[in-house]
Amino acid sequence: MNNMSLRAIPAALALTLAGFGLTAVAQTTTTTTMPATAPAATAPAPVTVQPATATEKTKEAGKEAWDSTKKTTRKAVNATERTAENATDATKRTARKATSATKNAANKTGNAAKNVAQKTGNVVANAGHKTADGMRSAGHKIGEKIPGTAENEAVKK
């Protein structure tokens, strides 16, 4: 059962009870008058109590139901507005968190790429130096065997 149908129950109950009251009033009528034995000059004027008419009771029940409906509607509107505001705030917070997370991830990825590039450059440079050193060493070995080269003269001494 949803929340709105629970709120309608008091209004329906008030109208039902008012209907029962109308039938009870229609069946009984009571009027009080002063007894005939009392002297008219010394006693106050007779008081006649008229019961509320069915129309008046229906109007009163309708007014109460209307007031209840207005109050319930006002509460529902306020709750909806609060919920909408809370949802908007939560969405903003989540969006800010997602933006921050994306920025942080981008920064970390950029830094990692820089580090990888730097390490790759170092590996390539080291490999190049080792290759050049090996080629110089090989050149010296060859030069030692060729007469007239500085390497050959250095080996003879």
N, C-alpha and C. Protein backbone atom coordinates (compact mmCIF):
# COMPACT_ATOMS: atom_id res chain seq x y z
N MET A 1 0.85 -1.16 0.00
CA MET A 1 0.00 0.00 0.00
C MET A 1 0.90 1.23 0.00
N ASN A 2 0.69 2.14 -0.92
CA ASN A 2 1.58 3.28 -0.99
C ASN A 2 1.20 4.34 0.03
N ASN A 3 2.06 5.32 0.14
CA ASN A 3 1.92 6.34 1.18
C ASN A 3 0.69 7.22 0.95
N MET A 4 0.37 7.53 -0.30
CA MET A 4 -0.75 8.42 -0.59
C MET A 4 -2.09 7.77 -0.21
N SER A 5 -2.23 6.46 -0.41
CA SER A 5 -3.50 5.82 -0.05
C SER A 5 -3.67 5.78 1.46
N LEU A 6 -2.57 5.72 2.20
CA LEU A 6 -2.67 5.77 3.67
C LEU A 6 -3.11 7.15 4.14
N ARG A 7 -2.73 8.18 3.42
CA ARG A 7 -3.11 9.53 3.80
C ARG A 7 -4.58 9.80 3.50
N ALA A 8 -5.16 9.11 2.58
CA ALA A 8 -6.56 9.33 2.21
C ALA A 8 -7.52 8.64 3.18
N ILE A 9 -7.02 7.70 3.96
CA ILE A 9 -7.88 6.93 4.87
C ILE A 9 -8.57 7.83 5.91
N PRO A 10 -7.86 8.79 6.57
CA PRO A 10 -8.56 9.62 7.55
C PRO A 10 -9.71 10.43 6.94
N ALA A 11 -9.52 10.94 5.72
CA ALA A 11 -10.59 11.71 5.08
C ALA A 11 -11.79 10.82 4.79
N ALA A 12 -11.55 9.63 4.28
CA ALA A 12 -12.64 8.71 3.98
C ALA A 12 -13.36 8.30 5.27
N LEU A 13 -12.59 8.08 6.32
CA LEU A 13 -13.17 7.70 7.60
C LEU A 13 -14.05 8.82 8.15
N ALA A 14 -13.61 10.06 8.03
CA ALA A 14 -14.40 11.20 8.52
C ALA A 14 -15.72 11.30 7.76
N LEU A 15 -15.67 11.12 6.46
CA LEU A 15 -16.91 11.18 5.67
C LEU A 15 -17.85 10.04 6.03
N THR A 16 -17.32 8.86 6.26
CA THR A 16 -18.14 7.71 6.62
C THR A 16 -18.82 7.94 7.96
N LEU A 17 -18.05 8.40 8.94
CA LEU A 17 -18.62 8.66 10.26
C LEU A 17 -19.67 9.77 10.20
N ALA A 18 -19.44 10.76 9.37
CA ALA A 18 -20.43 11.83 9.22
C ALA A 18 -21.72 11.26 8.64
N GLY A 19 -21.62 10.32 7.73
CA GLY A 19 -22.80 9.68 7.16
C GLY A 19 -23.57 8.91 8.20
N PHE A 20 -22.86 8.23 9.10
CA PHE A 20 -23.54 7.51 10.19
C PHE A 20 -24.26 8.49 11.11
N GLY A 21 -23.61 9.61 11.38
CA GLY A 21 -24.20 10.62 12.25
C GLY A 21 -25.47 11.20 11.65
N LEU A 22 -25.50 11.35 10.35
CA LEU A 22 -26.68 11.91 9.68
C LEU A 22 -27.88 10.99 9.83
N THR A 23 -27.65 9.70 9.68
CA THR A 23 -28.78 8.79 9.81
C THR A 23 -29.27 8.73 11.25
N ALA A 24 -28.39 8.84 12.22
CA ALA A 24 -28.79 8.82 13.62
C ALA A 24 -29.61 10.06 13.96
N VAL A 25 -29.22 11.21 13.44
CA VAL A 25 -29.95 12.45 13.71
C VAL A 25 -31.32 12.40 13.06
N ALA A 26 -31.40 11.85 11.89
CA ALA A 26 -32.68 11.79 11.18
C ALA A 26 -33.68 10.92 11.94
N GLN A 27 -33.20 9.94 12.70
CA GLN A 27 -34.10 9.05 13.41
C GLN A 27 -34.56 9.62 14.74
N THR A 28 -33.75 10.46 15.36
CA THR A 28 -34.13 10.99 16.68
C THR A 28 -34.16 12.50 16.61
N THR A 29 -35.16 13.09 17.25
CA THR A 29 -35.22 14.55 17.38
C THR A 29 -35.52 14.84 18.83
N THR A 30 -34.73 15.71 19.41
CA THR A 30 -34.96 16.07 20.81
C THR A 30 -35.04 17.58 20.91
N THR A 31 -36.06 18.03 21.58
CA THR A 31 -36.19 19.45 21.88
C THR A 31 -36.54 19.56 23.35
N THR A 32 -35.96 20.50 24.00
CA THR A 32 -36.28 20.70 25.41
C THR A 32 -37.02 22.01 25.54
N THR A 33 -38.11 21.94 26.24
CA THR A 33 -38.89 23.15 26.52
C THR A 33 -39.15 23.19 28.01
N MET A 34 -39.58 24.31 28.44
CA MET A 34 -39.86 24.47 29.87
C MET A 34 -41.18 23.79 30.22
N PRO A 35 -41.26 23.22 31.38
CA PRO A 35 -42.52 22.62 31.78
C PRO A 35 -43.61 23.67 31.94
N ALA A 36 -44.83 23.28 31.79
CA ALA A 36 -45.97 24.20 31.83
C ALA A 36 -46.27 24.67 33.25
N THR A 37 -45.84 24.03 34.29
CA THR A 37 -46.18 24.39 35.66
C THR A 37 -45.36 25.56 36.18
N ALA A 38 -44.27 25.90 35.55
CA ALA A 38 -43.41 26.98 36.06
C ALA A 38 -44.03 28.32 35.73
N PRO A 39 -43.96 29.28 36.66
CA PRO A 39 -44.50 30.59 36.36
C PRO A 39 -43.66 31.29 35.31
N ALA A 40 -44.32 31.98 34.41
CA ALA A 40 -43.65 32.61 33.28
C ALA A 40 -42.87 33.85 33.70
N ALA A 41 -43.28 34.56 34.73
CA ALA A 41 -42.64 35.81 35.10
C ALA A 41 -41.34 35.59 35.83
N THR A 42 -41.21 34.56 36.62
CA THR A 42 -40.01 34.38 37.42
C THR A 42 -38.94 33.55 36.72
N ALA A 43 -39.28 32.75 35.77
CA ALA A 43 -38.31 31.88 35.12
C ALA A 43 -37.79 32.54 33.84
N PRO A 44 -36.57 32.23 33.48
CA PRO A 44 -36.05 32.77 32.22
C PRO A 44 -36.80 32.16 31.04
N ALA A 45 -36.61 32.77 29.93
CA ALA A 45 -37.28 32.31 28.72
C ALA A 45 -36.86 30.87 28.42
N PRO A 46 -37.76 30.08 27.88
CA PRO A 46 -37.41 28.68 27.60
C PRO A 46 -36.31 28.60 26.54
N VAL A 47 -35.40 27.65 26.76
CA VAL A 47 -34.27 27.45 25.85
C VAL A 47 -34.57 26.22 25.02
N THR A 48 -34.56 26.41 23.76
CA THR A 48 -34.78 25.29 22.86
C THR A 48 -33.46 24.96 22.19
N VAL A 49 -32.97 23.74 22.33
CA VAL A 49 -31.72 23.31 21.70
C VAL A 49 -32.08 22.56 20.44
N GLN A 50 -31.68 23.12 19.34
CA GLN A 50 -31.94 22.48 18.07
C GLN A 50 -30.70 21.66 17.68
N PRO A 51 -30.90 20.41 17.34
CA PRO A 51 -29.73 19.64 16.91
C PRO A 51 -29.26 20.14 15.55
N ALA A 52 -28.00 19.92 15.30
CA ALA A 52 -27.43 20.34 14.02
C ALA A 52 -28.13 19.58 12.90
N THR A 53 -28.36 20.27 11.83
CA THR A 53 -29.04 19.62 10.72
C THR A 53 -28.07 18.74 9.96
N ALA A 54 -28.64 17.89 9.16
CA ALA A 54 -27.82 16.98 8.38
C ALA A 54 -26.93 17.77 7.42
N THR A 55 -27.45 18.84 6.88
CA THR A 55 -26.68 19.67 5.95
C THR A 55 -25.48 20.28 6.64
N GLU A 56 -25.71 20.79 7.88
CA GLU A 56 -24.61 21.40 8.63
C GLU A 56 -23.54 20.37 8.95
N LYS A 57 -23.97 19.19 9.37
CA LYS A 57 -23.00 18.14 9.69
C LYS A 57 -22.22 17.71 8.45
N THR A 58 -22.88 17.64 7.33
CA THR A 58 -22.20 17.27 6.08
C THR A 58 -21.21 18.34 5.69
N LYS A 59 -21.63 19.62 5.85
CA LYS A 59 -20.71 20.72 5.53
C LYS A 59 -19.48 20.66 6.43
N GLU A 60 -19.71 20.43 7.71
CA GLU A 60 -18.60 20.36 8.67
C GLU A 60 -17.66 19.21 8.33
N ALA A 61 -18.22 18.04 8.02
CA ALA A 61 -17.39 16.88 7.67
C ALA A 61 -16.61 17.15 6.39
N GLY A 62 -17.27 17.79 5.42
CA GLY A 62 -16.59 18.13 4.16
C GLY A 62 -15.47 19.12 4.40
N LYS A 63 -15.72 20.11 5.28
CA LYS A 63 -14.68 21.10 5.60
C LYS A 63 -13.49 20.43 6.27
N GLU A 64 -13.75 19.53 7.21
CA GLU A 64 -12.67 18.81 7.88
C GLU A 64 -11.89 17.95 6.88
N ALA A 65 -12.60 17.31 5.99
CA ALA A 65 -11.92 16.48 4.98
C ALA A 65 -11.08 17.36 4.07
N TRP A 66 -11.61 18.52 3.68
CA TRP A 66 -10.87 19.44 2.82
C TRP A 66 -9.63 19.95 3.54
N ASP A 67 -9.76 20.34 4.81
CA ASP A 67 -8.61 20.82 5.58
C ASP A 67 -7.56 19.72 5.69
N SER A 68 -7.99 18.51 5.94
CA SER A 68 -7.07 17.38 6.04
C SER A 68 -6.36 17.15 4.71
N THR A 69 -7.10 17.26 3.62
CA THR A 69 -6.51 17.07 2.29
C THR A 69 -5.48 18.15 2.00
N LYS A 70 -5.82 19.42 2.34
CA LYS A 70 -4.87 20.51 2.11
C LYS A 70 -3.59 20.30 2.91
N LYS A 71 -3.76 19.92 4.19
CA LYS A 71 -2.60 19.71 5.05
C LYS A 71 -1.73 18.57 4.51
N THR A 72 -2.35 17.49 4.11
CA THR A 72 -1.61 16.34 3.58
C THR A 72 -0.92 16.70 2.28
N THR A 73 -1.60 17.46 1.43
CA THR A 73 -1.00 17.87 0.16
C THR A 73 0.20 18.77 0.41
N ARG A 74 0.07 19.68 1.35
CA ARG A 74 1.17 20.58 1.69
C ARG A 74 2.38 19.78 2.18
N LYS A 75 2.12 18.78 3.03
CA LYS A 75 3.22 17.92 3.52
C LYS A 75 3.87 17.16 2.37
N ALA A 76 3.05 16.66 1.46
CA ALA A 76 3.59 15.90 0.32
C ALA A 76 4.45 16.79 -0.57
N VAL A 77 3.98 18.02 -0.81
CA VAL A 77 4.75 18.95 -1.64
C VAL A 77 6.08 19.27 -0.98
N ASN A 78 6.05 19.57 0.32
CA ASN A 78 7.29 19.88 1.03
C ASN A 78 8.25 18.70 1.01
N ALA A 79 7.73 17.50 1.22
CA ALA A 79 8.59 16.31 1.20
C ALA A 79 9.20 16.11 -0.19
N THR A 80 8.39 16.33 -1.22
CA THR A 80 8.90 16.18 -2.59
C THR A 80 9.99 17.19 -2.87
N GLU A 81 9.78 18.43 -2.43
CA GLU A 81 10.80 19.46 -2.66
C GLU A 81 12.08 19.12 -1.92
N ARG A 82 11.96 18.67 -0.67
CA ARG A 82 13.16 18.29 0.09
C ARG A 82 13.88 17.14 -0.60
N THR A 83 13.13 16.17 -1.06
CA THR A 83 13.73 15.01 -1.72
C THR A 83 14.43 15.43 -3.01
N ALA A 84 13.81 16.33 -3.76
CA ALA A 84 14.42 16.81 -5.00
C ALA A 84 15.72 17.56 -4.70
N GLU A 85 15.69 18.40 -3.65
CA GLU A 85 16.90 19.13 -3.28
C GLU A 85 18.00 18.17 -2.85
N ASN A 86 17.65 17.17 -2.05
CA ASN A 86 18.64 16.20 -1.61
C ASN A 86 19.21 15.42 -2.79
N ALA A 87 18.35 15.05 -3.73
CA ALA A 87 18.82 14.31 -4.91
C ALA A 87 19.76 15.17 -5.74
N THR A 88 19.42 16.46 -5.89
CA THR A 88 20.27 17.37 -6.65
C THR A 88 21.63 17.52 -5.98
N ASP A 89 21.62 17.70 -4.66
CA ASP A 89 22.88 17.83 -3.93
C ASP A 89 23.72 16.56 -4.05
N ALA A 90 23.09 15.41 -3.94
CA ALA A 90 23.81 14.15 -4.06
C ALA A 90 24.40 13.99 -5.45
N THR A 91 23.65 14.40 -6.48
CA THR A 91 24.16 14.32 -7.84
C THR A 91 25.36 15.23 -8.02
N LYS A 92 25.29 16.44 -7.46
CA LYS A 92 26.42 17.36 -7.56
C LYS A 92 27.65 16.78 -6.87
N ARG A 93 27.45 16.23 -5.67
CA ARG A 93 28.59 15.65 -4.94
C ARG A 93 29.21 14.51 -5.74
N THR A 94 28.37 13.65 -6.28
CA THR A 94 28.87 12.51 -7.05
C THR A 94 29.60 12.98 -8.30
N ALA A 95 29.08 13.99 -8.95
CA ALA A 95 29.73 14.52 -10.15
C ALA A 95 31.09 15.11 -9.81
N ARG A 96 31.17 15.83 -8.68
CA ARG A 96 32.46 16.40 -8.25
C ARG A 96 33.47 15.29 -7.96
N LYS A 97 33.01 14.24 -7.27
CA LYS A 97 33.90 13.12 -6.96
C LYS A 97 34.37 12.44 -8.23
N ALA A 98 33.48 12.25 -9.19
CA ALA A 98 33.85 11.59 -10.44
C ALA A 98 34.85 12.45 -11.21
N THR A 99 34.63 13.78 -11.21
CA THR A 99 35.56 14.68 -11.90
C THR A 99 36.93 14.63 -11.26
N SER A 100 36.97 14.66 -9.94
CA SER A 100 38.25 14.59 -9.23
C SER A 100 38.95 13.27 -9.51
N ALA A 101 38.20 12.19 -9.49
CA ALA A 101 38.79 10.88 -9.75
C ALA A 101 39.35 10.81 -11.17
N THR A 102 38.63 11.38 -12.12
CA THR A 102 39.11 11.38 -13.51
C THR A 102 40.38 12.20 -13.64
N LYS A 103 40.41 13.38 -12.99
CA LYS A 103 41.62 14.21 -13.05
C LYS A 103 42.81 13.49 -12.43
N ASN A 104 42.58 12.87 -11.26
CA ASN A 104 43.67 12.14 -10.60
C ASN A 104 44.17 10.99 -11.46
N ALA A 105 43.25 10.27 -12.07
CA ALA A 105 43.65 9.16 -12.92
C ALA A 105 44.42 9.66 -14.13
N ALA A 106 43.99 10.77 -14.71
CA ALA A 106 44.70 11.34 -15.86
C ALA A 106 46.11 11.78 -15.47
N ASN A 107 46.22 12.40 -14.30
CA ASN A 107 47.55 12.83 -13.83
C ASN A 107 48.45 11.62 -13.60
N LYS A 108 47.92 10.59 -12.97
CA LYS A 108 48.73 9.39 -12.72
C LYS A 108 49.13 8.72 -14.03
N THR A 109 48.22 8.68 -15.00
CA THR A 109 48.53 8.08 -16.29
C THR A 109 49.60 8.89 -17.01
N GLY A 110 49.47 10.22 -16.95
CA GLY A 110 50.49 11.08 -17.57
C GLY A 110 51.84 10.90 -16.94
N ASN A 111 51.86 10.84 -15.61
CA ASN A 111 53.14 10.64 -14.91
C ASN A 111 53.73 9.28 -15.23
N ALA A 112 52.89 8.27 -15.29
CA ALA A 112 53.38 6.93 -15.63
C ALA A 112 53.95 6.90 -17.04
N ALA A 113 53.29 7.58 -17.97
CA ALA A 113 53.78 7.63 -19.35
C ALA A 113 55.13 8.34 -19.41
N LYS A 114 55.27 9.42 -18.65
CA LYS A 114 56.56 10.13 -18.60
C LYS A 114 57.65 9.23 -18.06
N ASN A 115 57.33 8.52 -16.99
CA ASN A 115 58.32 7.63 -16.39
C ASN A 115 58.73 6.52 -17.36
N VAL A 116 57.74 5.95 -18.05
CA VAL A 116 58.04 4.87 -19.01
C VAL A 116 58.90 5.41 -20.14
N ALA A 117 58.59 6.59 -20.64
CA ALA A 117 59.36 7.18 -21.73
C ALA A 117 60.80 7.45 -21.28
N GLN A 118 60.93 7.95 -20.07
CA GLN A 118 62.26 8.24 -19.56
C GLN A 118 63.08 6.95 -19.40
N LYS A 119 62.45 5.93 -18.85
CA LYS A 119 63.15 4.65 -18.68
C LYS A 119 63.50 4.04 -20.03
N THR A 120 62.57 4.13 -20.99
CA THR A 120 62.85 3.60 -22.33
C THR A 120 64.02 4.34 -22.96
N GLY A 121 64.03 5.66 -22.80
CA GLY A 121 65.15 6.46 -23.33
C GLY A 121 66.46 6.05 -22.71
N ASN A 122 66.46 5.82 -21.40
CA ASN A 122 67.68 5.40 -20.72
C ASN A 122 68.14 4.03 -21.22
N VAL A 123 67.21 3.11 -21.42
CA VAL A 123 67.56 1.77 -21.89
C VAL A 123 68.17 1.86 -23.30
N VAL A 124 67.54 2.66 -24.16
CA VAL A 124 68.05 2.81 -25.53
C VAL A 124 69.44 3.45 -25.52
N ALA A 125 69.61 4.50 -24.69
CA ALA A 125 70.91 5.17 -24.60
C ALA A 125 71.98 4.20 -24.10
N ASN A 126 71.63 3.43 -23.06
CA ASN A 126 72.61 2.47 -22.53
C ASN A 126 72.97 1.42 -23.58
N ALA A 127 71.97 0.93 -24.29
CA ALA A 127 72.24 -0.07 -25.34
C ALA A 127 73.12 0.53 -26.43
N GLY A 128 72.86 1.77 -26.79
CA GLY A 128 73.68 2.43 -27.82
C GLY A 128 75.12 2.59 -27.36
N HIS A 129 75.31 2.99 -26.11
CA HIS A 129 76.67 3.17 -25.57
C HIS A 129 77.41 1.83 -25.54
N LYS A 130 76.71 0.80 -25.10
CA LYS A 130 77.35 -0.53 -25.05
C LYS A 130 77.71 -1.01 -26.46
N THR A 131 76.86 -0.75 -27.42
CA THR A 131 77.14 -1.15 -28.80
C THR A 131 78.35 -0.37 -29.33
N ALA A 132 78.37 0.93 -29.06
CA ALA A 132 79.50 1.76 -29.52
C ALA A 132 80.80 1.29 -28.86
N ASP A 133 80.74 1.00 -27.57
CA ASP A 133 81.93 0.51 -26.87
C ASP A 133 82.40 -0.81 -27.48
N GLY A 134 81.46 -1.69 -27.77
CA GLY A 134 81.81 -2.98 -28.39
C GLY A 134 82.43 -2.78 -29.76
N MET A 135 81.89 -1.83 -30.54
CA MET A 135 82.45 -1.59 -31.87
C MET A 135 83.84 -0.98 -31.77
N ARG A 136 84.07 -0.08 -30.80
CA ARG A 136 85.41 0.48 -30.61
C ARG A 136 86.39 -0.59 -30.20
N SER A 137 85.94 -1.47 -29.32
CA SER A 137 86.80 -2.56 -28.87
C SER A 137 87.17 -3.46 -30.04
N ALA A 138 86.16 -3.76 -30.87
CA ALA A 138 86.42 -4.60 -32.05
C ALA A 138 87.36 -3.88 -33.01
N GLY A 139 87.18 -2.59 -33.17
CA GLY A 139 88.06 -1.80 -34.05
C GLY A 139 89.49 -1.81 -33.56
N HIS A 140 89.68 -1.74 -32.24
CA HIS A 140 91.02 -1.79 -31.67
C HIS A 140 91.67 -3.14 -31.95
N LYS A 141 90.89 -4.22 -31.81
CA LYS A 141 91.42 -5.57 -32.05
C LYS A 141 91.86 -5.71 -33.52
N ILE A 142 91.02 -5.19 -34.43
CA ILE A 142 91.35 -5.29 -35.85
C ILE A 142 92.58 -4.42 -36.14
N GLY A 143 92.57 -3.21 -35.53
CA GLY A 143 93.70 -2.29 -35.75
C GLY A 143 95.03 -2.84 -35.26
N GLU A 144 95.02 -3.67 -34.25
CA GLU A 144 96.25 -4.27 -33.73
C GLU A 144 96.89 -5.19 -34.76
N LYS A 145 96.11 -5.77 -35.65
CA LYS A 145 96.61 -6.73 -36.62
C LYS A 145 97.01 -6.07 -37.95
N ILE A 146 96.61 -4.84 -38.14
CA ILE A 146 96.94 -4.16 -39.40
C ILE A 146 98.22 -3.36 -39.19
N PRO A 147 99.27 -3.65 -40.02
CA PRO A 147 100.53 -2.91 -39.86
C PRO A 147 100.34 -1.44 -40.24
N GLY A 148 101.00 -0.56 -39.50
CA GLY A 148 100.97 0.87 -39.77
C GLY A 148 99.92 1.62 -38.99
N THR A 149 99.12 0.94 -38.21
CA THR A 149 98.11 1.62 -37.41
C THR A 149 98.67 1.89 -36.03
N ALA A 150 98.03 2.86 -35.34
CA ALA A 150 98.48 3.22 -34.00
C ALA A 150 98.33 2.05 -33.04
N GLU A 151 97.29 1.26 -33.24
CA GLU A 151 97.07 0.12 -32.36
C GLU A 151 98.17 -0.94 -32.55
N ASN A 152 98.56 -1.12 -33.80
CA ASN A 152 99.61 -2.10 -34.10
C ASN A 152 100.92 -1.64 -33.48
N GLU A 153 101.26 -0.37 -33.59
CA GLU A 153 102.48 0.17 -33.02
C GLU A 153 102.46 0.06 -31.51
N ALA A 154 101.26 0.26 -30.89
CA ALA A 154 101.17 0.18 -29.43
C ALA A 154 101.37 -1.22 -28.94
N VAL A 155 100.97 -2.24 -29.70
CA VAL A 155 101.15 -3.63 -29.30
C VAL A 155 102.63 -4.00 -29.42
N LYS A 156 103.35 -3.46 -30.35
CA LYS A 156 104.77 -3.78 -30.55
C LYS A 156 105.61 -3.23 -29.42
N LYS A 157 105.31 -2.24 -28.82
CA LYS A 157 106.12 -1.62 -27.79
C LYS A 157 106.03 -2.30 -26.50
